[in-house]
């Protein structure tokens, strides 16, 4: 019976690099999910509604072609950013449809 061939060094290096990349990707994914769950549980509903409304108004103005001068909303809270973006997109769509 023949002895099995050893795994080439480039294959072993590739497997290690792949494992490291998968671990790093898993850490980033777990961090993002845990932040979303944490902020989703601790953010008051009225704050989400106010950010949605603010995004809606700015999107509506920009959709009509008016300049708002704002650069959007940025924070460390992904729930608030998501609410703002949803409102902005809804306002933008309505502003563009009313403009045409």
N, C-alpha and C. Protein backbone atom coordinates (compact mmCIF):
# COMPACT_ATOMS: atom_id res chain seq x y z
N UNK A 1 0.84 -1.17 0.00
CA UNK A 1 0.00 0.00 0.00
C UNK A 1 0.89 1.24 0.00
N UNK A 2 0.54 2.20 -0.84
CA UNK A 2 1.34 3.41 -0.96
C UNK A 2 0.98 4.39 0.14
N UNK A 3 1.97 5.11 0.59
CA UNK A 3 1.71 6.11 1.62
C UNK A 3 1.05 7.33 0.97
N UNK A 4 0.13 7.99 1.70
CA UNK A 4 -0.55 9.15 1.11
C UNK A 4 0.43 10.30 0.88
N UNK A 5 0.15 11.05 -0.18
CA UNK A 5 1.01 12.19 -0.49
C UNK A 5 0.77 13.29 0.54
N UNK A 6 1.81 14.01 0.92
CA UNK A 6 1.61 15.14 1.84
C UNK A 6 0.92 16.29 1.10
N UNK A 7 0.18 17.06 1.85
CA UNK A 7 -0.51 18.22 1.27
C UNK A 7 0.54 19.28 0.92
N UNK A 8 0.48 19.84 -0.29
CA UNK A 8 1.46 20.85 -0.68
C UNK A 8 1.39 22.08 0.23
N UNK A 9 2.49 22.77 0.35
CA UNK A 9 2.56 23.93 1.26
C UNK A 9 1.64 25.06 0.82
N UNK A 10 1.50 25.28 -0.49
CA UNK A 10 0.61 26.37 -0.95
C UNK A 10 -0.84 26.06 -0.61
N UNK A 11 -1.21 24.78 -0.58
CA UNK A 11 -2.57 24.41 -0.20
C UNK A 11 -2.79 24.63 1.29
N UNK A 12 -1.81 24.27 2.10
CA UNK A 12 -1.92 24.51 3.55
C UNK A 12 -2.01 26.00 3.85
N UNK A 13 -1.22 26.81 3.16
CA UNK A 13 -1.27 28.26 3.36
C UNK A 13 -2.63 28.81 2.94
N UNK A 14 -3.14 28.33 1.81
CA UNK A 14 -4.44 28.77 1.33
C UNK A 14 -5.56 28.40 2.30
N UNK A 15 -5.48 27.22 2.89
CA UNK A 15 -6.50 26.81 3.85
C UNK A 15 -6.45 27.69 5.10
N UNK A 16 -5.27 28.04 5.53
CA UNK A 16 -5.14 28.90 6.72
C UNK A 16 -5.65 30.31 6.44
N UNK A 17 -5.31 30.85 5.28
CA UNK A 17 -5.79 32.18 4.92
C UNK A 17 -7.31 32.19 4.81
N UNK A 18 -7.85 31.16 4.22
CA UNK A 18 -9.31 31.05 4.12
C UNK A 18 -9.96 30.98 5.49
N UNK A 19 -9.38 30.20 6.38
CA UNK A 19 -9.92 30.09 7.74
C UNK A 19 -9.87 31.43 8.46
N UNK A 20 -8.78 32.17 8.31
CA UNK A 20 -8.66 33.48 8.96
C UNK A 20 -9.70 34.44 8.39
N UNK A 21 -9.87 34.45 7.09
CA UNK A 21 -10.87 35.33 6.48
C UNK A 21 -12.28 34.98 6.94
N UNK A 22 -12.59 33.71 7.06
CA UNK A 22 -13.90 33.31 7.54
C UNK A 22 -14.13 33.72 8.99
N UNK A 23 -13.09 33.62 9.82
CA UNK A 23 -13.22 34.04 11.22
C UNK A 23 -13.44 35.55 11.30
N UNK A 24 -12.68 36.32 10.53
CA UNK A 24 -12.83 37.77 10.54
C UNK A 24 -14.22 38.16 10.04
N UNK A 25 -14.68 37.54 8.98
CA UNK A 25 -16.02 37.81 8.46
C UNK A 25 -17.08 37.46 9.49
N UNK A 26 -16.91 36.35 10.18
CA UNK A 26 -17.85 35.95 11.22
C UNK A 26 -17.89 36.93 12.38
N UNK A 27 -16.73 37.46 12.76
CA UNK A 27 -16.68 38.45 13.85
C UNK A 27 -17.41 39.72 13.44
N UNK A 28 -17.16 40.20 12.23
CA UNK A 28 -17.85 41.41 11.76
C UNK A 28 -19.36 41.19 11.68
N UNK A 29 -19.77 40.04 11.19
CA UNK A 29 -21.19 39.74 11.08
C UNK A 29 -21.84 39.66 12.47
N UNK A 30 -21.19 39.00 13.41
CA UNK A 30 -21.73 38.90 14.77
C UNK A 30 -21.80 40.28 15.43
N UNK A 31 -20.78 41.11 15.21
CA UNK A 31 -20.77 42.46 15.78
C UNK A 31 -21.92 43.29 15.23
N UNK A 32 -22.13 43.22 13.93
CA UNK A 32 -23.20 43.99 13.30
C UNK A 32 -24.57 43.51 13.79
N UNK A 33 -24.75 42.22 13.88
CA UNK A 33 -26.04 41.68 14.35
C UNK A 33 -26.31 42.05 15.80
N UNK A 34 -25.29 41.95 16.63
CA UNK A 34 -25.49 42.27 18.05
C UNK A 34 -25.78 43.77 18.23
N UNK A 35 -25.13 44.64 17.47
CA UNK A 35 -25.42 46.07 17.55
C UNK A 35 -26.84 46.36 17.12
N UNK A 36 -27.29 45.71 16.05
CA UNK A 36 -28.65 45.94 15.57
C UNK A 36 -29.68 45.49 16.59
N UNK A 37 -29.46 44.34 17.20
CA UNK A 37 -30.40 43.85 18.21
C UNK A 37 -30.39 44.76 19.42
N UNK A 38 -29.20 45.15 19.89
CA UNK A 38 -29.10 46.02 21.07
C UNK A 38 -29.81 47.35 20.84
N UNK A 39 -29.48 48.01 19.74
CA UNK A 39 -30.09 49.32 19.48
C UNK A 39 -31.57 49.19 19.16
N UNK A 40 -31.98 48.07 18.55
CA UNK A 40 -33.39 47.86 18.28
C UNK A 40 -34.20 47.72 19.56
N UNK A 41 -33.60 47.16 20.59
CA UNK A 41 -34.31 46.98 21.85
C UNK A 41 -34.27 48.23 22.73
N UNK A 42 -33.26 49.06 22.58
CA UNK A 42 -33.09 50.21 23.48
C UNK A 42 -33.51 51.54 22.88
N UNK A 43 -33.82 51.60 21.59
CA UNK A 43 -34.20 52.86 20.96
C UNK A 43 -35.70 53.07 21.10
N UNK A 44 -36.12 54.22 21.65
CA UNK A 44 -37.56 54.48 21.80
C UNK A 44 -38.24 54.66 20.44
N UNK A 45 -39.48 54.25 20.37
CA UNK A 45 -40.24 54.29 19.13
C UNK A 45 -40.44 55.73 18.63
N UNK A 46 -40.64 56.68 19.55
CA UNK A 46 -40.86 58.06 19.12
C UNK A 46 -39.62 58.66 18.46
N UNK A 47 -38.44 58.21 18.89
CA UNK A 47 -37.21 58.69 18.26
C UNK A 47 -37.09 58.15 16.83
N UNK A 48 -37.48 56.90 16.63
CA UNK A 48 -37.48 56.33 15.29
C UNK A 48 -38.47 57.07 14.39
N UNK A 49 -39.64 57.38 14.93
CA UNK A 49 -40.65 58.09 14.14
C UNK A 49 -40.19 59.49 13.77
N UNK A 50 -39.54 60.17 14.69
CA UNK A 50 -39.08 61.53 14.39
C UNK A 50 -37.97 61.52 13.34
N UNK A 51 -37.09 60.51 13.40
CA UNK A 51 -36.04 60.42 12.38
C UNK A 51 -36.62 60.05 11.03
N UNK A 52 -37.63 59.18 11.00
CA UNK A 52 -38.30 58.84 9.74
C UNK A 52 -38.92 60.09 9.14
N UNK A 53 -39.60 60.88 9.97
CA UNK A 53 -40.25 62.10 9.48
C UNK A 53 -39.22 63.10 8.97
N UNK A 54 -38.11 63.24 9.68
CA UNK A 54 -37.06 64.16 9.25
C UNK A 54 -36.48 63.73 7.90
N UNK A 55 -36.23 62.43 7.75
CA UNK A 55 -35.74 61.91 6.48
C UNK A 55 -36.74 62.09 5.37
N UNK A 56 -38.02 61.89 5.69
CA UNK A 56 -39.08 62.05 4.70
C UNK A 56 -39.13 63.49 4.19
N UNK A 57 -39.07 64.45 5.09
CA UNK A 57 -39.14 65.85 4.69
C UNK A 57 -37.93 66.25 3.84
N UNK A 58 -36.74 65.80 4.24
CA UNK A 58 -35.56 66.15 3.44
C UNK A 58 -35.58 65.46 2.08
N UNK A 59 -36.03 64.21 2.03
CA UNK A 59 -36.14 63.52 0.76
C UNK A 59 -37.17 64.16 -0.15
N UNK A 60 -38.28 64.61 0.43
CA UNK A 60 -39.32 65.27 -0.35
C UNK A 60 -38.79 66.56 -0.97
N UNK A 61 -38.06 67.35 -0.17
CA UNK A 61 -37.49 68.60 -0.70
C UNK A 61 -36.48 68.33 -1.80
N UNK A 62 -35.60 67.37 -1.59
CA UNK A 62 -34.60 67.08 -2.61
C UNK A 62 -35.23 66.45 -3.84
N UNK A 63 -36.28 65.66 -3.65
CA UNK A 63 -36.97 65.07 -4.80
C UNK A 63 -37.63 66.11 -5.67
N UNK A 64 -38.05 67.21 -5.07
CA UNK A 64 -38.65 68.31 -5.84
C UNK A 64 -37.59 69.17 -6.50
N UNK A 65 -36.34 68.98 -6.13
CA UNK A 65 -35.26 69.77 -6.72
C UNK A 65 -34.81 70.92 -5.84
N UNK A 66 -35.34 71.01 -4.64
CA UNK A 66 -34.93 72.07 -3.73
C UNK A 66 -33.64 71.65 -3.02
N UNK A 67 -32.80 72.60 -2.73
CA UNK A 67 -31.55 72.31 -2.03
C UNK A 67 -31.79 72.37 -0.53
N UNK A 68 -31.36 71.33 0.18
CA UNK A 68 -31.54 71.31 1.63
C UNK A 68 -30.26 71.68 2.36
N UNK A 69 -29.12 71.49 1.73
CA UNK A 69 -27.87 71.82 2.37
C UNK A 69 -27.41 70.78 3.37
N UNK A 70 -28.23 69.80 3.68
CA UNK A 70 -27.87 68.76 4.63
C UNK A 70 -27.16 67.61 3.94
N UNK A 71 -26.37 66.89 4.71
CA UNK A 71 -25.64 65.76 4.14
C UNK A 71 -26.19 64.44 4.64
N UNK A 72 -27.39 64.43 5.19
CA UNK A 72 -27.95 63.20 5.68
C UNK A 72 -27.77 63.04 7.17
N UNK A 73 -28.07 61.87 7.64
CA UNK A 73 -28.00 61.60 9.07
C UNK A 73 -27.01 60.48 9.31
N UNK A 74 -26.07 60.70 10.21
CA UNK A 74 -25.10 59.68 10.56
C UNK A 74 -25.00 59.59 12.07
N UNK A 75 -25.04 58.37 12.57
CA UNK A 75 -24.84 58.13 14.00
C UNK A 75 -24.30 56.73 14.16
N UNK A 76 -24.04 56.34 15.37
CA UNK A 76 -23.59 54.99 15.62
C UNK A 76 -24.73 54.01 15.78
N UNK A 77 -25.96 54.50 15.71
CA UNK A 77 -27.13 53.67 15.91
C UNK A 77 -27.69 53.24 14.56
N UNK A 78 -27.54 51.97 14.18
CA UNK A 78 -28.03 51.55 12.87
C UNK A 78 -29.55 51.63 12.74
N UNK A 79 -30.28 51.51 13.83
CA UNK A 79 -31.73 51.62 13.76
C UNK A 79 -32.18 53.01 13.38
N UNK A 80 -31.53 54.03 13.94
CA UNK A 80 -31.88 55.41 13.60
C UNK A 80 -31.49 55.74 12.16
N UNK A 81 -30.33 55.27 11.75
CA UNK A 81 -29.90 55.52 10.37
C UNK A 81 -30.86 54.85 9.38
N UNK A 82 -31.30 53.65 9.71
CA UNK A 82 -32.22 52.93 8.84
C UNK A 82 -33.57 53.65 8.75
N UNK A 83 -34.07 54.15 9.88
CA UNK A 83 -35.33 54.88 9.87
C UNK A 83 -35.22 56.15 9.03
N UNK A 84 -34.11 56.87 9.17
CA UNK A 84 -33.89 58.08 8.39
C UNK A 84 -33.84 57.75 6.90
N UNK A 85 -33.10 56.69 6.54
CA UNK A 85 -32.95 56.33 5.13
C UNK A 85 -34.28 55.90 4.52
N UNK A 86 -35.09 55.16 5.28
CA UNK A 86 -36.40 54.76 4.77
C UNK A 86 -37.29 55.97 4.54
N UNK A 87 -37.27 56.91 5.48
CA UNK A 87 -38.06 58.12 5.31
C UNK A 87 -37.57 58.95 4.14
N UNK A 88 -36.26 59.07 4.01
CA UNK A 88 -35.69 59.84 2.90
C UNK A 88 -36.10 59.24 1.57
N UNK A 89 -36.01 57.92 1.47
CA UNK A 89 -36.34 57.27 0.21
C UNK A 89 -37.82 57.44 -0.14
N UNK A 90 -38.68 57.32 0.86
CA UNK A 90 -40.12 57.50 0.62
C UNK A 90 -40.41 58.94 0.19
N UNK A 91 -39.80 59.91 0.86
CA UNK A 91 -39.97 61.31 0.48
C UNK A 91 -39.41 61.61 -0.90
N UNK A 92 -38.26 61.03 -1.21
CA UNK A 92 -37.64 61.23 -2.51
C UNK A 92 -38.56 60.69 -3.61
N UNK A 93 -39.10 59.50 -3.41
CA UNK A 93 -39.98 58.90 -4.43
C UNK A 93 -41.23 59.76 -4.63
N UNK A 94 -41.83 60.22 -3.55
CA UNK A 94 -43.03 61.05 -3.68
C UNK A 94 -42.71 62.42 -4.29
N UNK A 95 -41.57 62.99 -3.93
CA UNK A 95 -41.17 64.27 -4.52
C UNK A 95 -40.90 64.17 -6.00
N UNK A 96 -40.29 63.07 -6.42
CA UNK A 96 -40.02 62.88 -7.86
C UNK A 96 -41.30 62.62 -8.64
N UNK A 97 -42.25 61.88 -8.04
CA UNK A 97 -43.48 61.59 -8.76
C UNK A 97 -44.36 62.83 -8.87
N UNK A 98 -44.33 63.71 -7.88
CA UNK A 98 -45.10 64.95 -7.94
C UNK A 98 -44.46 65.96 -8.88
N UNK A 99 -43.17 65.84 -9.10
CA UNK A 99 -42.44 66.79 -9.92
C UNK A 99 -42.71 66.57 -11.40
N UNK A 100 -42.96 65.36 -11.81
CA UNK A 100 -43.09 65.05 -13.25
C UNK A 100 -44.46 65.28 -13.75
